[in-house]
Amino acid sequence: MKSNIIGRNLKLLVLVFTVFCVGNTFGQSLTNTKINGYRGIWFELNQKYEYGDKYSGALGTYTAKHVPLAIYSPEVEKTFFVYGGTPSEDQRYLLCMIGEFDHKTEMVSQPTVVFDKNGVDDPHDNPSILIDGSGYIWVFISGRGAKRPGYKYKSKAPYSIKEFVQITEEEMTYPQPRYTDFGFFQFFTKYTGVRQLYFETSKDGISWTNDKLLAAIPEKEGEKSGHYQTSDLFNGKVLGTFFNRHPNGNVDKRTDLYYIQSADFGSTWTTVNGINTPVPVTDLASPARAVDYASQNKNLYLKDMGFTADGYPACLYIRSNGHEPGPKSAPYEWCITKWNGAEWQTNVVTTSDHNYDMGSLFISEDNWKIVGPTEKGAQDWGVGGELAIWQSTDKGETWKKINTITEHSSLSHSYVRRPVNYKAPFSFFWADGDSHQLSKSELYFGNFKGDIWKMPYNMSKDYEMPIKIK
């Protein structure tokens, strides 16, 4: 079972306090304090090419593998959302933040620091969010390998972001938690020389099962394997995940698309059409494979997934010719691969100019939408751009741009995220920033009418109105 901080001896608690409060490079820990405004983290990977860094820019709502980042709660009529923040424009280190939008007053709260990353500036450590059946808010803090642990935090009171209590410390990257009809479930990643997929379950959020390996597909016998995934929950019971593979563990060669699902809390797994698939998945040509992209020499960058009313899964991703930014890897095709009841079907929505452009997929019965930075922005060949809304009225087969919701921006808009149970006007949210050089980064939210609001960068009150900019 996972260890939890409750019940640890006093000596360990004193050590934790010393590390986070006294030993913090930036002074006293900001964990469980308020920040007077919404300030996103800016980051660059420092893998340089002719057309810029492999990826850099406004990454407050990064990564696509952190799922979900926001949840609407009808019980209190609030959208709770997490992101990677920073103390001020001239202090660039990561604070794992949570804020709330009150749909009754249409105000945003001052955000709370759930966890101060103690000088880490890497948004791979951004948080994800879950709300349990009693209304407690859980924030899953991503780590990075064994040296930078992840954490689970629980709110001290239901539907409150005032204060959080640490529950676990563990090896955990890219948290993807869901609250199911059976209890807590989490997909996540471990760095074991390569990026491997795991899952775990819990009835109460305190005691968790041992980590269970989900996929380990080598291209050749004896090779290492790695994977990335995106996941979702259907009707409280069916957990589905699309994942790619990294040949010989090389993340820059990510390719192929697989899908498996479980309707019994991870006890058994099947393909979309019911073929039993023991985990970990280890067969390159497994019936779980939806698309063979390796034979086409295509890279695959997962963005989002969802389910139709019939429980059929669909995945949004970018398909390209390589990992380097710029025209060498073009075209950057936004694709939908969906199950139509009989077979997997893939359609191209549009193109943009970067592998790490990221949008979200919204599925309803006869009206599918994508919101993302598909339009040319101020910085060529960089992460993000101008935001557009794309619509399909034939269940994802053909797409039409129905609205461009940002225009003439000096900075690029990136990583548009879909809240669980989203409700207007907080239908999606994102951050902006310069794609290539350090800049200020602000956070926004919007609706499908094309209205957008900016969250206040500086706040003097506990709750303030966001700034309507369109």
Protein backbone atom coordinates (compact mmCIF):
# COMPACT_ATOMS: atom_id res chain seq x y z
CA MET A 1 0.00 0.00 0.00
CA LYS A 2 1.06 3.61 -0.59
CA SER A 3 2.40 5.41 2.48
CA ASN A 4 0.46 8.44 3.73
CA ILE A 5 1.56 11.39 5.79
CA ILE A 6 -1.20 10.87 8.38
CA GLY A 7 0.26 8.87 11.24
CA ARG A 8 3.92 9.51 10.43
CA ASN A 9 6.02 10.15 13.46
CA LEU A 10 6.74 13.62 14.78
CA LYS A 11 10.38 13.50 13.76
CA LEU A 12 9.46 13.12 10.08
CA LEU A 13 6.94 15.94 10.30
CA VAL A 14 9.62 18.21 11.72
CA LEU A 15 11.92 17.24 8.85
CA VAL A 16 9.23 18.01 6.27
CA PHE A 17 8.61 21.38 7.91
CA THR A 18 12.33 22.15 7.85
CA VAL A 19 12.72 21.29 4.17
CA PHE A 20 9.73 23.26 2.97
CA CYS A 21 9.77 26.22 5.34
CA VAL A 22 13.33 26.82 6.43
CA GLY A 23 15.31 25.24 3.63
CA ASN A 24 13.33 26.68 0.71
CA THR A 25 15.73 28.46 -1.63
CA PHE A 26 13.18 31.23 -2.10
CA GLY A 27 12.42 31.69 1.60
CA GLN A 28 9.48 30.37 3.57
CA SER A 29 7.28 27.90 1.70
CA LEU A 30 4.20 29.39 0.06
CA THR A 31 2.20 26.14 0.40
CA ASN A 32 -1.35 26.86 1.62
CA THR A 33 -1.04 30.60 1.06
CA LYS A 34 -2.85 32.89 -1.35
CA ILE A 35 -1.30 34.56 -4.38
CA ASN A 36 -2.71 37.95 -5.31
CA GLY A 37 -3.41 37.18 -8.95
CA TYR A 38 -3.24 34.68 -11.80
CA ARG A 39 0.30 34.45 -13.16
CA GLY A 40 1.21 31.50 -15.37
CA ILE A 41 4.58 29.79 -15.60
CA TRP A 42 6.79 30.32 -18.68
CA PHE A 43 9.23 27.54 -19.60
CA GLU A 44 11.63 26.33 -22.27
CA LEU A 45 13.04 22.82 -22.63
CA ASN A 46 16.43 24.03 -23.96
CA GLN A 47 16.58 21.62 -26.89
CA LYS A 48 17.45 24.14 -29.61
CA TYR A 49 16.90 23.80 -33.35
CA GLU A 50 16.97 26.15 -36.34
CA TYR A 51 13.37 27.25 -35.72
CA GLY A 52 13.55 27.47 -31.96
CA ASP A 53 13.31 25.28 -28.92
CA LYS A 54 11.66 21.86 -29.18
CA TYR A 55 8.97 23.54 -27.11
CA SER A 56 8.77 26.67 -25.00
CA GLY A 57 6.24 29.33 -24.05
CA ALA A 58 3.19 29.74 -21.84
CA LEU A 59 2.88 26.36 -20.14
CA GLY A 60 0.66 27.11 -17.16
CA THR A 61 -1.94 24.65 -18.44
CA TYR A 62 0.63 22.11 -19.71
CA THR A 63 0.89 19.11 -20.29
CA ALA A 64 -1.71 17.36 -22.43
CA LYS A 65 -0.96 14.36 -20.22
CA HIS A 66 -2.17 16.16 -17.08
CA VAL A 67 -5.90 15.31 -17.04
CA PRO A 68 -8.19 16.88 -15.92
CA LEU A 69 -7.22 20.44 -15.02
CA ALA A 70 -10.71 21.73 -14.19
CA ILE A 71 -14.06 20.42 -12.90
CA TYR A 72 -17.45 22.13 -12.71
CA SER A 73 -19.35 21.26 -9.53
CA PRO A 74 -23.13 21.76 -9.80
CA GLU A 75 -23.48 21.34 -6.03
CA VAL A 76 -21.83 24.72 -5.42
CA GLU A 77 -22.04 26.14 -8.95
CA LYS A 78 -18.30 26.64 -9.18
CA THR A 79 -15.58 25.59 -11.60
CA PHE A 80 -12.42 24.57 -9.76
CA PHE A 81 -9.23 24.63 -11.83
CA VAL A 82 -5.51 23.99 -11.35
CA TYR A 83 -2.49 25.33 -13.20
CA GLY A 84 1.21 26.04 -12.93
CA GLY A 85 1.78 29.50 -11.53
CA THR A 86 4.66 31.66 -10.40
CA PRO A 87 5.00 34.19 -7.56
CA SER A 88 5.57 37.23 -9.75
CA GLU A 89 6.61 38.29 -13.23
CA ASP A 90 10.29 38.44 -12.22
CA GLN A 91 10.29 35.22 -10.12
CA ARG A 92 10.02 32.25 -12.45
CA TYR A 93 9.61 29.12 -10.36
CA LEU A 94 6.68 26.76 -10.13
CA LEU A 95 3.76 27.04 -7.74
CA CYS A 96 1.08 24.35 -8.07
CA MET A 97 -2.05 26.49 -7.94
CA ILE A 98 -5.82 26.13 -7.61
CA GLY A 99 -8.50 28.75 -8.29
CA GLU A 100 -12.26 28.86 -8.52
CA PHE A 101 -14.80 30.61 -10.73
CA ASP A 102 -18.17 31.24 -9.07
CA HIS A 103 -20.93 30.94 -11.69
CA LYS A 104 -23.39 32.80 -9.43
CA THR A 105 -21.28 35.92 -8.91
CA GLU A 106 -19.13 35.46 -12.07
CA MET A 107 -16.05 36.23 -9.97
CA VAL A 108 -12.75 34.41 -9.58
CA SER A 109 -11.12 33.82 -6.21
CA GLN A 110 -7.59 34.64 -5.28
CA PRO A 111 -5.76 31.38 -6.09
CA THR A 112 -4.24 29.12 -3.44
CA VAL A 113 -0.78 27.57 -3.55
CA VAL A 114 -1.44 23.86 -3.01
CA PHE A 115 2.26 23.06 -3.20
CA ASP A 116 5.37 25.21 -3.53
CA LYS A 117 7.84 23.36 -5.79
CA ASN A 118 10.80 24.88 -3.95
CA GLY A 119 12.63 26.40 -6.89
CA VAL A 120 11.66 23.92 -9.62
CA ASP A 121 10.65 25.87 -12.74
CA ASP A 122 9.48 22.86 -14.80
CA PRO A 123 5.74 22.62 -15.61
CA HIS A 124 6.07 18.85 -16.01
CA ASP A 125 5.34 19.14 -12.26
CA ASN A 126 1.98 20.86 -12.83
CA PRO A 127 -1.08 19.52 -10.96
CA SER A 128 -4.29 17.71 -11.91
CA ILE A 129 -7.61 17.73 -10.04
CA LEU A 130 -10.34 15.40 -8.75
CA ILE A 131 -13.49 15.97 -6.66
CA ASP A 132 -14.72 12.97 -4.66
CA GLY A 133 -18.27 11.94 -3.78
CA SER A 134 -18.24 13.99 -0.57
CA GLY A 135 -17.09 17.17 -2.28
CA TYR A 136 -13.47 17.07 -1.14
CA ILE A 137 -11.08 18.50 -3.72
CA TRP A 138 -7.98 16.45 -4.46
CA VAL A 139 -4.93 17.89 -6.19
CA PHE A 140 -2.42 15.47 -7.67
CA ILE A 141 1.00 17.10 -7.91
CA SER A 142 3.20 15.66 -10.64
CA GLY A 143 6.81 14.73 -9.97
CA ARG A 144 9.58 13.95 -12.42
CA GLY A 145 11.22 10.58 -11.96
CA ALA A 146 12.37 9.21 -8.61
CA LYS A 147 14.35 12.29 -7.55
CA ARG A 148 11.42 14.74 -7.76
CA PRO A 149 8.44 13.03 -6.10
CA GLY A 150 4.76 13.60 -6.73
CA TYR A 151 2.14 14.22 -4.06
CA LYS A 152 -1.57 13.83 -3.42
CA TYR A 153 -3.29 16.65 -1.52
CA LYS A 154 -6.86 16.78 -0.12
CA SER A 155 -8.85 19.89 0.81
CA LYS A 156 -9.53 20.30 4.53
CA ALA A 157 -13.19 21.04 3.82
CA PRO A 158 -15.57 20.06 0.99
CA TYR A 159 -15.66 22.42 -2.00
CA SER A 160 -13.04 24.65 -0.37
CA ILE A 161 -9.68 25.77 -1.75
CA LYS A 162 -8.62 27.49 1.46
CA GLU A 163 -6.27 24.79 2.77
CA PHE A 164 -4.98 21.37 1.69
CA VAL A 165 -3.46 18.43 3.55
CA GLN A 166 -0.74 16.20 2.10
CA ILE A 167 -1.82 12.57 1.84
CA THR A 168 0.98 10.82 -0.08
CA GLU A 169 4.49 11.30 -1.39
CA GLU A 170 5.39 8.98 -4.28
CA GLU A 171 6.90 8.52 -7.71
CA MET A 172 4.27 9.89 -10.07
CA THR A 173 4.36 11.91 -13.30
CA TYR A 174 1.50 13.06 -15.56
CA PRO A 175 -1.35 12.37 -13.08
CA GLN A 176 -4.72 11.49 -14.63
CA PRO A 177 -7.10 10.92 -11.68
CA ARG A 178 -10.81 10.10 -11.92
CA TYR A 179 -13.51 9.53 -9.31
CA THR A 180 -15.51 6.53 -10.51
CA ASP A 181 -18.55 4.66 -9.22
CA PHE A 182 -16.07 2.23 -7.63
CA GLY A 183 -13.75 4.79 -6.04
CA PHE A 184 -10.53 6.61 -6.92
CA PHE A 185 -8.63 5.63 -10.06
CA GLN A 186 -5.44 7.13 -11.46
CA PHE A 187 -3.49 6.63 -14.68
CA PHE A 188 0.06 7.97 -14.38
CA THR A 189 3.62 7.58 -15.65
CA LYS A 190 6.91 6.44 -14.12
CA TYR A 191 10.38 7.17 -15.45
CA THR A 192 12.09 3.78 -15.35
CA GLY A 193 14.77 4.64 -17.89
CA VAL A 194 11.83 5.09 -20.27
CA ARG A 195 8.36 6.54 -19.75
CA GLN A 196 6.08 3.70 -18.68
CA LEU A 197 2.33 3.78 -18.00
CA TYR A 198 0.84 2.65 -14.69
CA PHE A 199 -2.46 2.79 -12.83
CA GLU A 200 -3.60 2.53 -9.22
CA THR A 201 -6.91 2.47 -7.34
CA SER A 202 -8.24 3.42 -3.92
CA LYS A 203 -11.56 3.22 -2.10
CA ASP A 204 -10.92 6.23 0.12
CA GLY A 205 -8.02 8.15 -1.44
CA ILE A 206 -5.84 7.41 1.58
CA SER A 207 -4.77 3.80 1.01
CA TRP A 208 -3.83 2.95 -2.57
CA THR A 209 -3.03 -0.29 -4.34
CA ASN A 210 0.43 -1.08 -5.58
CA ASP A 211 1.29 0.47 -8.94
CA LYS A 212 0.23 -1.74 -11.86
CA LEU A 213 2.04 -1.61 -15.21
CA LEU A 214 -0.33 -0.87 -18.10
CA ALA A 215 1.83 -1.02 -21.25
CA ALA A 216 5.37 -2.04 -22.19
CA ILE A 217 5.57 -2.63 -25.94
CA PRO A 218 9.09 -3.19 -27.35
CA GLU A 219 9.60 -2.92 -31.09
CA LYS A 220 12.15 -5.72 -30.95
CA GLU A 221 12.92 -8.30 -28.31
CA GLY A 222 15.27 -6.88 -25.72
CA GLU A 223 14.52 -3.25 -26.53
CA LYS A 224 13.18 -0.74 -24.05
CA SER A 225 9.69 0.68 -24.51
CA GLY A 226 8.00 3.92 -23.55
CA HIS A 227 4.53 5.42 -23.86
CA TYR A 228 2.37 8.52 -23.40
CA GLN A 229 -1.38 8.47 -22.89
CA THR A 230 -4.60 10.45 -22.60
CA SER A 231 -7.66 9.10 -20.80
CA ASP A 232 -11.28 9.70 -19.88
CA LEU A 233 -14.19 8.25 -17.90
CA PHE A 234 -17.58 7.26 -19.38
CA ASN A 235 -20.75 7.05 -17.26
CA GLY A 236 -18.78 6.68 -14.03
CA LYS A 237 -17.65 3.15 -14.90
CA VAL A 238 -15.73 2.79 -18.17
CA LEU A 239 -12.12 4.00 -18.06
CA GLY A 240 -10.56 4.41 -21.48
CA THR A 241 -7.03 5.31 -22.52
CA PHE A 242 -5.37 6.01 -25.85
CA PHE A 243 -1.60 5.64 -25.85
CA ASN A 244 1.30 5.80 -28.28
CA ARG A 245 4.68 4.06 -28.09
CA HIS A 246 8.27 5.25 -28.13
CA PRO A 247 10.44 2.84 -30.20
CA ASN A 248 13.40 1.74 -28.08
CA GLY A 249 12.30 4.35 -25.55
CA ASN A 250 13.00 7.28 -27.91
CA VAL A 251 10.36 9.90 -27.12
CA ASP A 252 11.22 11.77 -30.33
CA LYS A 253 10.04 8.77 -32.36
CA ARG A 254 6.62 8.49 -30.69
CA THR A 255 4.27 6.66 -33.03
CA ASP A 256 1.30 4.25 -33.35
CA LEU A 257 -2.05 4.61 -31.57
CA TYR A 258 -3.47 2.04 -29.13
CA TYR A 259 -6.69 1.94 -27.10
CA ILE A 260 -7.87 -0.19 -24.16
CA GLN A 261 -10.66 0.19 -21.62
CA SER A 262 -11.88 -1.27 -18.33
CA ALA A 263 -15.42 -1.38 -16.91
CA ASP A 264 -14.48 -3.07 -13.61
CA PHE A 265 -12.07 -0.67 -11.91
CA GLY A 266 -9.01 -1.98 -13.72
CA SER A 267 -9.49 -5.66 -12.87
CA THR A 268 -9.77 -6.61 -16.55
CA TRP A 269 -9.04 -4.73 -19.77
CA THR A 270 -10.39 -5.10 -23.30
CA THR A 271 -10.13 -3.57 -26.73
CA VAL A 272 -12.92 -1.27 -27.88
CA ASN A 273 -14.77 -4.26 -29.35
CA GLY A 274 -14.44 -6.47 -26.30
CA ILE A 275 -11.30 -8.55 -26.94
CA ASN A 276 -9.72 -9.43 -23.61
CA THR A 277 -6.34 -7.69 -23.30
CA PRO A 278 -4.21 -8.63 -20.31
CA VAL A 279 -1.98 -5.84 -18.99
CA PRO A 280 0.69 -4.85 -19.41
CA VAL A 281 0.14 -4.71 -23.16
CA THR A 282 3.39 -6.04 -24.66
CA ASP A 283 2.53 -7.02 -28.24
CA LEU A 284 3.45 -4.53 -30.98
CA ALA A 285 0.62 -5.84 -33.17
CA SER A 286 -1.85 -6.13 -30.28
CA PRO A 287 -5.54 -5.96 -31.23
CA ALA A 288 -5.51 -2.82 -29.07
CA ARG A 289 -3.65 -1.01 -31.86
CA ALA A 290 -6.02 1.40 -33.58
CA VAL A 291 -3.60 2.88 -36.15
CA ASP A 292 -0.21 1.68 -37.38
CA TYR A 293 1.72 4.93 -37.83
CA ALA A 294 5.19 3.42 -37.64
CA SER A 295 4.86 2.01 -41.15
CA GLN A 296 4.00 5.53 -42.32
CA ASN A 297 7.00 7.09 -40.50
CA LYS A 298 4.64 9.42 -38.66
CA ASN A 299 4.99 10.96 -35.21
CA LEU A 300 1.94 11.15 -32.93
CA TYR A 301 1.25 13.81 -30.25
CA LEU A 302 -1.80 13.00 -28.10
CA LYS A 303 -4.04 15.92 -27.06
CA ASP A 304 -7.43 14.79 -25.71
CA MET A 305 -10.07 12.08 -25.84
CA GLY A 306 -13.77 11.71 -25.16
CA PHE A 307 -16.74 9.39 -25.55
CA THR A 308 -19.91 9.57 -27.60
CA ALA A 309 -23.31 8.93 -26.00
CA ASP A 310 -22.94 5.32 -27.18
CA GLY A 311 -19.67 4.97 -25.30
CA TYR A 312 -17.53 5.04 -28.43
CA PRO A 313 -14.09 6.63 -27.84
CA ALA A 314 -12.50 9.33 -30.00
CA CYS A 315 -8.99 10.76 -29.79
CA LEU A 316 -7.60 14.16 -30.82
CA TYR A 317 -3.90 14.32 -31.73
CA ILE A 318 -1.36 15.97 -34.01
CA ARG A 319 0.33 13.84 -36.66
CA SER A 320 3.63 15.06 -38.13
CA ASN A 321 6.84 14.02 -39.88
CA GLY A 322 9.19 14.44 -36.93
CA HIS A 323 10.02 16.07 -33.63
CA GLU A 324 11.98 19.14 -34.80
CA PRO A 325 10.08 22.44 -34.88
CA GLY A 326 9.75 24.21 -38.21
CA PRO A 327 8.87 23.22 -41.78
CA LYS A 328 11.01 20.07 -41.65
CA SER A 329 8.32 18.21 -39.65
CA ALA A 330 5.30 19.71 -41.43
CA PRO A 331 2.46 19.18 -42.01
CA TYR A 332 1.22 19.31 -38.41
CA GLU A 333 -2.16 17.65 -38.93
CA TRP A 334 -4.89 17.80 -36.29
CA CYS A 335 -6.51 14.36 -36.49
CA ILE A 336 -9.48 12.58 -34.98
CA THR A 337 -9.42 8.79 -34.70
CA LYS A 338 -12.80 7.46 -33.57
CA TRP A 339 -14.56 4.13 -33.19
CA ASN A 340 -17.70 4.13 -35.36
CA GLY A 341 -19.15 0.91 -33.99
CA ALA A 342 -17.42 -1.35 -36.49
CA GLU A 343 -13.90 0.02 -37.09
CA TRP A 344 -11.46 2.80 -36.35
CA GLN A 345 -11.85 5.83 -38.60
CA THR A 346 -9.35 8.72 -38.92
CA ASN A 347 -10.10 12.19 -40.28
CA VAL A 348 -8.00 15.36 -40.58
CA VAL A 349 -9.47 18.53 -39.05
CA THR A 350 -6.89 21.17 -40.02
CA THR A 351 -3.17 21.96 -39.72
CA SER A 352 -1.08 24.26 -37.52
CA ASP A 353 2.67 24.87 -37.16
CA HIS A 354 3.93 22.99 -34.07
CA ASN A 355 3.76 19.52 -32.49
CA TYR A 356 2.96 21.02 -29.10
CA ASP A 357 -0.01 23.08 -30.21
CA MET A 358 -2.75 21.76 -27.93
CA GLY A 359 -6.53 21.97 -27.94
CA SER A 360 -9.47 20.09 -26.44
CA LEU A 361 -12.23 17.92 -27.88
CA PHE A 362 -15.87 18.47 -26.89
CA ILE A 363 -18.33 15.72 -27.89
CA SER A 364 -22.11 15.95 -27.83
CA GLU A 365 -24.66 13.88 -29.74
CA ASP A 366 -24.70 15.73 -33.08
CA ASN A 367 -22.24 18.53 -32.44
CA TRP A 368 -18.54 17.97 -31.87
CA LYS A 369 -16.18 20.88 -31.30
CA ILE A 370 -12.45 21.46 -31.00
CA VAL A 371 -10.98 24.61 -29.45
CA GLY A 372 -7.28 25.17 -30.02
CA PRO A 373 -4.45 27.34 -31.42
CA THR A 374 -4.87 26.23 -35.03
CA GLU A 375 -4.35 29.72 -36.50
CA LYS A 376 -1.06 31.48 -37.22
CA GLY A 377 0.08 33.51 -34.23
CA ALA A 378 2.59 36.23 -33.52
CA GLN A 379 5.53 33.79 -33.24
CA ASP A 380 6.17 31.52 -36.22
CA TRP A 381 6.88 27.82 -35.67
CA GLY A 382 6.29 28.11 -31.93
CA VAL A 383 3.94 26.63 -29.36
CA GLY A 384 0.44 28.12 -29.61
CA GLY A 385 -1.08 30.73 -31.88
CA GLU A 386 -4.50 32.28 -32.35
CA LEU A 387 -7.48 30.28 -31.06
CA ALA A 388 -10.28 28.97 -33.25
CA ILE A 389 -13.40 26.85 -32.77
CA TRP A 390 -13.94 23.96 -35.18
CA GLN A 391 -17.24 22.11 -35.49
CA SER A 392 -18.39 18.77 -36.87
CA THR A 393 -22.08 17.91 -37.32
CA ASP A 394 -21.42 14.40 -38.65
CA LYS A 395 -19.73 12.86 -35.60
CA GLY A 396 -16.19 13.92 -36.38
CA GLU A 397 -15.99 13.02 -40.07
CA THR A 398 -15.82 16.53 -41.54
CA TRP A 399 -14.91 19.79 -39.83
CA LYS A 400 -15.51 23.50 -40.38
CA LYS A 401 -14.01 26.50 -38.62
CA ILE A 402 -16.92 28.46 -37.13
CA ASN A 403 -15.12 31.14 -35.14
CA THR A 404 -11.68 32.67 -34.59
CA ILE A 405 -11.80 33.80 -31.00
CA THR A 406 -8.43 35.56 -30.67
CA GLU A 407 -6.93 37.86 -33.30
CA HIS A 408 -3.97 40.26 -33.66
CA SER A 409 -2.43 38.99 -30.39
CA SER A 410 1.13 39.99 -29.54
CA LEU A 411 1.59 36.71 -27.64
CA SER A 412 0.63 33.12 -28.46
CA HIS A 413 -2.31 31.33 -26.85
CA SER A 414 -1.59 27.74 -25.85
CA TYR A 415 -2.84 24.58 -24.14
CA VAL A 416 -6.62 25.04 -24.22
CA ARG A 417 -8.16 22.77 -21.57
CA ARG A 418 -11.64 21.26 -21.19
CA PRO A 419 -13.22 21.18 -17.70
CA VAL A 420 -15.09 18.05 -16.65
CA ASN A 421 -18.84 18.81 -16.80
CA TYR A 422 -17.94 22.19 -18.28
CA LYS A 423 -20.48 25.01 -17.98
CA ALA A 424 -20.47 28.38 -19.74
CA PRO A 425 -18.94 30.85 -19.50
CA PHE A 426 -16.03 28.74 -18.17
CA SER A 427 -16.18 26.27 -21.07
CA PHE A 428 -12.41 26.14 -21.59
CA PHE A 429 -9.30 27.89 -20.26
CA TRP A 430 -5.71 28.51 -21.33
CA ALA A 431 -2.62 30.73 -20.98
CA ASP A 432 -0.70 33.08 -23.27
CA GLY A 433 2.95 34.01 -23.66
CA ASP A 434 5.76 34.49 -26.15
CA SER A 435 6.57 31.20 -27.86
CA HIS A 436 10.32 31.78 -28.08
CA GLN A 437 11.50 34.10 -25.30
CA LEU A 438 10.68 34.65 -21.66
CA SER A 439 7.53 36.73 -21.22
CA LYS A 440 4.66 37.48 -18.92
CA SER A 441 1.95 34.80 -19.03
CA GLU A 442 -1.71 35.41 -18.22
CA LEU A 443 -4.68 33.05 -17.92
CA TYR A 444 -8.01 33.22 -19.75
CA PHE A 445 -11.32 31.40 -20.07
CA GLY A 446 -14.05 31.49 -22.69
CA ASN A 447 -17.27 30.08 -24.11
CA PHE A 448 -18.45 28.77 -27.47
CA LYS A 449 -20.07 32.09 -28.39
CA GLY A 450 -16.54 33.46 -28.69
CA ASP A 451 -16.62 35.51 -25.48
CA ILE A 452 -13.33 35.50 -23.58
CA TRP A 453 -12.22 36.81 -20.21
CA LYS A 454 -8.78 37.40 -18.72
CA MET A 455 -8.17 36.46 -15.11
CA PRO A 456 -6.72 39.36 -13.10
CA TYR A 457 -2.92 39.29 -13.02
CA ASN A 458 -2.96 41.33 -9.81
CA MET A 459 -5.75 41.18 -7.21
CA SER A 460 -6.41 43.29 -4.12
CA LYS A 461 -9.57 41.46 -2.96
CA ASP A 462 -10.46 37.85 -2.18
CA TYR A 463 -12.82 37.74 -5.19
CA GLU A 464 -12.74 39.91 -8.29
CA MET A 465 -14.43 40.10 -11.67
CA PRO A 466 -12.41 38.71 -14.56
CA ILE A 467 -11.69 41.19 -17.35
CA LYS A 468 -13.90 40.74 -20.39
CA ILE A 469 -11.78 41.29 -23.47
CA LYS A 470 -14.15 40.06 -26.20
